[in-house]
Amino acid sequence: MPRKIAGKIVKKASVRLLDQSVRGAELALLPCGRESVSELTCGDTNDLVLQKNRERLERYTAENKLNASETRDKILEIVFKQKKHFSIQGMVGTVREEFPEIGFATIYRSVALFLEAEILTEAFTNSKGITFYEMNREVEHDHVQCLDCHKIFEYRLPKVDLQVRRTVANLSFRAPVTRNVVYAHCDLIKNK
């Protein structure tokens, strides 16, 4: 059903914005007039996803003969609490707020280990060259970054994903990992 945002009729998009699908979240308005889910931009993380990621870490540490680490577990719990895409600099700030005794290098090494263990994924690099991460939810999706308000939107286009997989297979590659990021100015903000 079409609705009016910033004086402009907007039809329901054929793209499902993942950050708009979270039930019971507090809504805020962006400068363009779009509704934004506060603090929930990288989708819903349920207990099953958290459990799978804990198992990944256990498997990774066992395979690589790494000792268990209370500090690493603290950092992991903070990663699990993240509801937004985050930069490593942001993660350092968040961890040090709660655990000031944890050093920068430990946080950087832990994030690198979480990437290697496939607990975290590199979501995208923004228009300023800062890399953002998110929890591995095993849901393929892409990102749009608004160059006006810097909000990050997630979307899924399953037909495009299927076409990419077919094309990659036709080129004799397997296990495609694709990352599409659209950097865009908001048409709605101009009309305010």
C-alpha atoms as a PDB file:
ATOM      1  CA  MET A   1       0.000   0.000   0.000  1.00  0.00           C
ATOM      2  CA  PRO A   2       1.508   3.384  -0.973  1.00  0.00           C
ATOM      3  CA  ARG A   3       2.225   5.861   1.803  1.00  0.00           C
ATOM      4  CA  LYS A   4       3.359   9.452   1.950  1.00  0.00           C
ATOM      5  CA  ILE A   5       6.839  10.264   3.261  1.00  0.00           C
ATOM      6  CA  ALA A   6       8.187  13.803   3.142  1.00  0.00           C
ATOM      7  CA  GLY A   7       5.341  14.810   0.837  1.00  0.00           C
ATOM      8  CA  LYS A   8       6.157  12.070  -1.695  1.00  0.00           C
ATOM      9  CA  ILE A   9       4.083   8.962  -2.422  1.00  0.00           C
ATOM     10  CA  VAL A  10       6.212   5.877  -1.826  1.00  0.00           C
ATOM     11  CA  LYS A  11       4.992   2.498  -3.042  1.00  0.00           C
ATOM     12  CA  LYS A  12       5.813  -0.625  -1.109  1.00  0.00           C
ATOM     13  CA  ALA A  13       9.287  -1.633  -2.174  1.00  0.00           C
ATOM     14  CA  SER A  14       9.863  -5.005  -3.766  1.00  0.00           C
ATOM     15  CA  VAL A  15      12.882  -5.186  -1.489  1.00  0.00           C
ATOM     16  CA  ARG A  16      12.267  -6.200   2.103  1.00  0.00           C
ATOM     17  CA  LEU A  17      14.298  -3.944   4.357  1.00  0.00           C
ATOM     18  CA  LEU A  18      15.508  -6.271   7.084  1.00  0.00           C
ATOM     19  CA  ASP A  19      15.800  -3.505   9.660  1.00  0.00           C
ATOM     20  CA  GLN A  20      12.092  -2.788   9.238  1.00  0.00           C
ATOM     21  CA  SER A  21      11.099  -6.365  10.069  1.00  0.00           C
ATOM     22  CA  VAL A  22      11.932  -6.410  13.765  1.00  0.00           C
ATOM     23  CA  ARG A  23       8.780  -6.717  15.847  1.00  0.00           C
ATOM     24  CA  GLY A  24       8.218  -4.482  18.845  1.00  0.00           C
ATOM     25  CA  ALA A  25      11.181  -2.241  18.156  1.00  0.00           C
ATOM     26  CA  GLU A  26      11.080   1.463  18.888  1.00  0.00           C
ATOM     27  CA  LEU A  27      10.673   3.494  15.689  1.00  0.00           C
ATOM     28  CA  ALA A  28      12.390   6.809  15.015  1.00  0.00           C
ATOM     29  CA  LEU A  29      12.256   9.073  11.973  1.00  0.00           C
ATOM     30  CA  LEU A  30      15.279   9.637   9.791  1.00  0.00           C
ATOM     31  CA  PRO A  31      15.942  13.082   8.284  1.00  0.00           C
ATOM     32  CA  CYS A  32      14.171  11.903   5.115  1.00  0.00           C
ATOM     33  CA  GLY A  33      11.017  10.989   7.025  1.00  0.00           C
ATOM     34  CA  ARG A  34      11.537   7.216   6.741  1.00  0.00           C
ATOM     35  CA  GLU A  35      10.852   5.164   9.810  1.00  0.00           C
ATOM     36  CA  SER A  36      13.974   3.647  11.277  1.00  0.00           C
ATOM     37  CA  VAL A  37      14.215   0.884  13.825  1.00  0.00           C
ATOM     38  CA  SER A  38      16.307   2.340  16.637  1.00  0.00           C
ATOM     39  CA  GLU A  39      19.416   0.338  17.470  1.00  0.00           C
ATOM     40  CA  LEU A  40      18.310  -2.601  15.327  1.00  0.00           C
ATOM     41  CA  THR A  41      19.885  -2.385  11.916  1.00  0.00           C
ATOM     42  CA  CYS A  42      21.415  -5.773  11.360  1.00  0.00           C
ATOM     43  CA  GLY A  43      18.357  -7.892  11.827  1.00  0.00           C
ATOM     44  CA  ASP A  44      17.151 -10.114  14.567  1.00  0.00           C
ATOM     45  CA  THR A  45      19.660 -12.355  16.321  1.00  0.00           C
ATOM     46  CA  ASN A  46      17.892 -15.289  17.915  1.00  0.00           C
ATOM     47  CA  ASP A  47      19.150 -17.891  20.385  1.00  0.00           C
ATOM     48  CA  LEU A  48      19.796 -20.444  17.622  1.00  0.00           C
ATOM     49  CA  VAL A  49      22.144 -18.022  15.824  1.00  0.00           C
ATOM     50  CA  LEU A  50      23.978 -17.293  19.084  1.00  0.00           C
ATOM     51  CA  GLN A  51      24.300 -21.010  19.839  1.00  0.00           C
ATOM     52  CA  LYS A  52      25.650 -21.762  16.341  1.00  0.00           C
ATOM     53  CA  ASN A  53      28.227 -19.011  16.739  1.00  0.00           C
ATOM     54  CA  ARG A  54      29.299 -20.306  20.163  1.00  0.00           C
ATOM     55  CA  GLU A  55      29.735 -23.760  18.606  1.00  0.00           C
ATOM     56  CA  ARG A  56      31.780 -22.246  15.762  1.00  0.00           C
ATOM     57  CA  LEU A  57      34.119 -20.642  18.286  1.00  0.00           C
ATOM     58  CA  GLU A  58      34.481 -23.886  20.269  1.00  0.00           C
ATOM     59  CA  ARG A  59      35.237 -25.816  17.078  1.00  0.00           C
ATOM     60  CA  TYR A  60      37.695 -23.155  15.862  1.00  0.00           C
ATOM     61  CA  THR A  61      39.577 -22.963  19.176  1.00  0.00           C
ATOM     62  CA  ALA A  62      39.781 -26.778  19.398  1.00  0.00           C
ATOM     63  CA  GLU A  63      41.003 -27.145  15.781  1.00  0.00           C
ATOM     64  CA  ASN A  64      43.615 -24.434  16.306  1.00  0.00           C
ATOM     65  CA  LYS A  65      44.613 -25.668  19.781  1.00  0.00           C
ATOM     66  CA  LEU A  66      43.777 -22.359  21.432  1.00  0.00           C
ATOM     67  CA  ASN A  67      43.174 -22.118  25.154  1.00  0.00           C
ATOM     68  CA  ALA A  68      39.843 -20.957  26.511  1.00  0.00           C
ATOM     69  CA  SER A  69      39.946 -17.314  27.489  1.00  0.00           C
ATOM     70  CA  GLU A  70      37.704 -15.500  29.945  1.00  0.00           C
ATOM     71  CA  THR A  71      38.637 -12.203  28.293  1.00  0.00           C
ATOM     72  CA  ARG A  72      37.694 -13.513  24.853  1.00  0.00           C
ATOM     73  CA  ASP A  73      34.368 -14.732  26.270  1.00  0.00           C
ATOM     74  CA  LYS A  74      33.659 -11.245  27.662  1.00  0.00           C
ATOM     75  CA  ILE A  75      34.345  -9.687  24.273  1.00  0.00           C
ATOM     76  CA  LEU A  76      32.194 -12.327  22.566  1.00  0.00           C
ATOM     77  CA  GLU A  77      29.257 -11.559  24.861  1.00  0.00           C
ATOM     78  CA  ILE A  78      29.511  -7.883  23.907  1.00  0.00           C
ATOM     79  CA  VAL A  79      29.632  -8.846  20.231  1.00  0.00           C
ATOM     80  CA  PHE A  80      26.469 -10.928  20.756  1.00  0.00           C
ATOM     81  CA  LYS A  81      24.718  -7.873  22.240  1.00  0.00           C
ATOM     82  CA  GLN A  82      25.422  -5.700  19.188  1.00  0.00           C
ATOM     83  CA  LYS A  83      22.257  -4.737  17.354  1.00  0.00           C
ATOM     84  CA  LYS A  84      23.942  -2.516  14.812  1.00  0.00           C
ATOM     85  CA  HIS A  85      26.762  -2.901  12.346  1.00  0.00           C
ATOM     86  CA  PHE A  86      29.934  -1.878  14.143  1.00  0.00           C
ATOM     87  CA  SER A  87      33.445  -0.775  13.342  1.00  0.00           C
ATOM     88  CA  ILE A  88      36.394  -2.160  15.240  1.00  0.00           C
ATOM     89  CA  GLN A  89      36.940   1.306  16.707  1.00  0.00           C
ATOM     90  CA  GLY A  90      33.355   1.275  17.963  1.00  0.00           C
ATOM     91  CA  MET A  91      33.809  -2.204  19.406  1.00  0.00           C
ATOM     92  CA  VAL A  92      36.939  -1.085  21.266  1.00  0.00           C
ATOM     93  CA  GLY A  93      34.932   1.747  22.842  1.00  0.00           C
ATOM     94  CA  THR A  94      32.024  -0.545  23.772  1.00  0.00           C
ATOM     95  CA  VAL A  95      34.258  -3.231  25.310  1.00  0.00           C
ATOM     96  CA  ARG A  96      36.390  -0.713  27.222  1.00  0.00           C
ATOM     97  CA  GLU A  97      33.266   0.935  28.646  1.00  0.00           C
ATOM     98  CA  GLU A  98      32.261  -2.318  30.308  1.00  0.00           C
ATOM     99  CA  PHE A  99      35.725  -3.819  30.842  1.00  0.00           C
ATOM    100  CA  PRO A 100      38.347  -1.040  31.015  1.00  0.00           C
ATOM    101  CA  GLU A 101      41.019  -3.596  31.933  1.00  0.00           C
ATOM    102  CA  ILE A 102      40.823  -5.200  28.462  1.00  0.00           C
ATOM    103  CA  GLY A 103      43.468  -3.719  26.176  1.00  0.00           C
ATOM    104  CA  PHE A 104      43.085  -2.502  22.607  1.00  0.00           C
ATOM    105  CA  ALA A 105      45.341  -5.227  21.177  1.00  0.00           C
ATOM    106  CA  THR A 106      43.304  -7.983  22.876  1.00  0.00           C
ATOM    107  CA  ILE A 107      40.099  -6.599  21.373  1.00  0.00           C
ATOM    108  CA  TYR A 108      41.641  -6.342  17.882  1.00  0.00           C
ATOM    109  CA  ARG A 109      43.006  -9.908  18.108  1.00  0.00           C
ATOM    110  CA  SER A 110      39.654 -11.232  19.337  1.00  0.00           C
ATOM    111  CA  VAL A 111      37.746  -9.555  16.504  1.00  0.00           C
ATOM    112  CA  ALA A 112      40.253 -11.025  14.017  1.00  0.00           C
ATOM    113  CA  LEU A 113      39.758 -14.465  15.588  1.00  0.00           C
ATOM    114  CA  PHE A 114      35.943 -14.088  15.442  1.00  0.00           C
ATOM    115  CA  LEU A 115      36.266 -13.267  11.733  1.00  0.00           C
ATOM    116  CA  GLU A 116      38.462 -16.324  11.125  1.00  0.00           C
ATOM    117  CA  ALA A 117      36.020 -18.494  13.102  1.00  0.00           C
ATOM    118  CA  GLU A 118      33.165 -17.083  10.965  1.00  0.00           C
ATOM    119  CA  ILE A 119      31.311 -15.689  13.981  1.00  0.00           C
ATOM    120  CA  LEU A 120      31.582 -12.209  12.528  1.00  0.00           C
ATOM    121  CA  THR A 121      31.391 -11.209   8.916  1.00  0.00           C
ATOM    122  CA  GLU A 122      32.711  -8.117   7.244  1.00  0.00           C
ATOM    123  CA  ALA A 123      29.479  -6.392   6.250  1.00  0.00           C
ATOM    124  CA  PHE A 124      30.872  -3.566   4.122  1.00  0.00           C
ATOM    125  CA  THR A 125      33.252  -0.635   3.991  1.00  0.00           C
ATOM    126  CA  ASN A 126      31.496   2.716   4.166  1.00  0.00           C
ATOM    127  CA  SER A 127      32.057   5.731   1.950  1.00  0.00           C
ATOM    128  CA  LYS A 128      34.781   6.957   4.348  1.00  0.00           C
ATOM    129  CA  GLY A 129      36.755   3.698   4.183  1.00  0.00           C
ATOM    130  CA  ILE A 130      35.710   2.375   7.606  1.00  0.00           C
ATOM    131  CA  THR A 131      34.955  -1.360   7.688  1.00  0.00           C
ATOM    132  CA  PHE A 132      31.819  -2.467   9.512  1.00  0.00           C
ATOM    133  CA  TYR A 133      31.112  -5.919  10.901  1.00  0.00           C
ATOM    134  CA  GLU A 134      28.054  -7.887  11.956  1.00  0.00           C
ATOM    135  CA  MET A 135      27.214 -11.212  13.536  1.00  0.00           C
ATOM    136  CA  ASN A 136      27.125 -14.123  11.108  1.00  0.00           C
ATOM    137  CA  ARG A 137      23.402 -14.838  10.838  1.00  0.00           C
ATOM    138  CA  GLU A 138      23.713 -17.020   7.730  1.00  0.00           C
ATOM    139  CA  VAL A 139      21.213 -14.802   5.926  1.00  0.00           C
ATOM    140  CA  GLU A 140      22.524 -13.453   2.659  1.00  0.00           C
ATOM    141  CA  HIS A 141      21.740  -9.790   2.314  1.00  0.00           C
ATOM    142  CA  ASP A 142      23.170  -6.596   0.922  1.00  0.00           C
ATOM    143  CA  HIS A 143      23.431  -3.036   2.158  1.00  0.00           C
ATOM    144  CA  VAL A 144      22.478   0.500   1.172  1.00  0.00           C
ATOM    145  CA  GLN A 145      24.251   3.310   2.971  1.00  0.00           C
ATOM    146  CA  CYS A 146      22.531   6.674   2.865  1.00  0.00           C
ATOM    147  CA  LEU A 147      25.143   9.325   2.147  1.00  0.00           C
ATOM    148  CA  ASP A 148      22.908  11.946   3.764  1.00  0.00           C
ATOM    149  CA  CYS A 149      22.096  10.453   7.196  1.00  0.00           C
ATOM    150  CA  HIS A 150      24.655   7.566   7.066  1.00  0.00           C
ATOM    151  CA  LYS A 151      21.959   5.055   8.052  1.00  0.00           C
ATOM    152  CA  ILE A 152      22.572   1.514   6.843  1.00  0.00           C
ATOM    153  CA  PHE A 153      19.696  -0.433   5.325  1.00  0.00           C
ATOM    154  CA  GLU A 154      19.758  -4.142   4.665  1.00  0.00           C
ATOM    155  CA  TYR A 155      17.819  -5.785   1.888  1.00  0.00           C
ATOM    156  CA  ARG A 156      17.455  -9.166   0.234  1.00  0.00           C
ATOM    157  CA  LEU A 157      16.938  -9.927  -3.419  1.00  0.00           C
ATOM    158  CA  PRO A 158      16.797 -13.743  -3.593  1.00  0.00           C
ATOM    159  CA  LYS A 159      16.376 -13.797  -7.394  1.00  0.00           C
ATOM    160  CA  VAL A 160      19.529 -11.711  -7.823  1.00  0.00           C
ATOM    161  CA  ASP A 161      21.414 -13.963  -5.386  1.00  0.00           C
ATOM    162  CA  LEU A 162      20.326 -17.003  -7.407  1.00  0.00           C
ATOM    163  CA  GLN A 163      21.445 -15.388 -10.657  1.00  0.00           C
ATOM    164  CA  VAL A 164      24.837 -14.520  -9.132  1.00  0.00           C
ATOM    165  CA  ARG A 165      25.284 -18.124  -7.986  1.00  0.00           C
ATOM    166  CA  ARG A 166      24.437 -19.445 -11.466  1.00  0.00           C
ATOM    167  CA  THR A 167      26.793 -16.995 -13.148  1.00  0.00           C
ATOM    168  CA  VAL A 168      29.630 -17.839 -10.781  1.00  0.00           C
ATOM    169  CA  ALA A 169      29.019 -21.582 -11.295  1.00  0.00           C
ATOM    170  CA  ASN A 170      29.089 -21.078 -15.072  1.00  0.00           C
ATOM    171  CA  LEU A 171      32.525 -19.501 -14.637  1.00  0.00           C
ATOM    172  CA  SER A 172      33.660 -22.671 -12.783  1.00  0.00           C
ATOM    173  CA  PHE A 173      33.775 -21.102  -9.326  1.00  0.00           C
ATOM    174  CA  ARG A 174      32.048 -22.398  -6.212  1.00  0.00           C
ATOM    175  CA  ALA A 175      30.862 -21.043  -2.838  1.00  0.00           C
ATOM    176  CA  PRO A 176      30.300 -17.488  -3.990  1.00  0.00           C
ATOM    177  CA  VAL A 177      30.477 -14.817  -1.372  1.00  0.00           C
ATOM    178  CA  THR A 178      29.009 -11.639  -2.715  1.00  0.00           C
ATOM    179  CA  ARG A 179      28.866  -8.268  -1.102  1.00  0.00           C
ATOM    180  CA  ASN A 180      26.812  -5.563  -2.700  1.00  0.00           C
ATOM    181  CA  VAL A 181      26.846  -2.127  -1.141  1.00  0.00           C
ATOM    182  CA  VAL A 182      24.957   0.752  -2.659  1.00  0.00           C
ATOM    183  CA  TYR A 183      26.023   4.252  -1.596  1.00  0.00           C
ATOM    184  CA  ALA A 184      23.132   6.564  -2.335  1.00  0.00           C
ATOM    185  CA  HIS A 185      21.705  10.013  -1.711  1.00  0.00           C
ATOM    186  CA  CYS A 186      18.133   9.999  -0.473  1.00  0.00           C
ATOM    187  CA  ASP A 187      15.542  11.371  -2.899  1.00  0.00           C
ATOM    188  CA  LEU A 188      13.114  11.833  -0.024  1.00  0.00           C
ATOM    189  CA  ILE A 189      15.340  14.223   1.913  1.00  0.00           C
ATOM    190  CA  LYS A 190      15.361  16.729  -0.971  1.00  0.00           C
ATOM    191  CA  ASN A 191      11.591  17.039  -0.758  1.00  0.00           C
ATOM    192  CA  LYS A 192      11.477  18.057   2.917  1.00  0.00           C
END
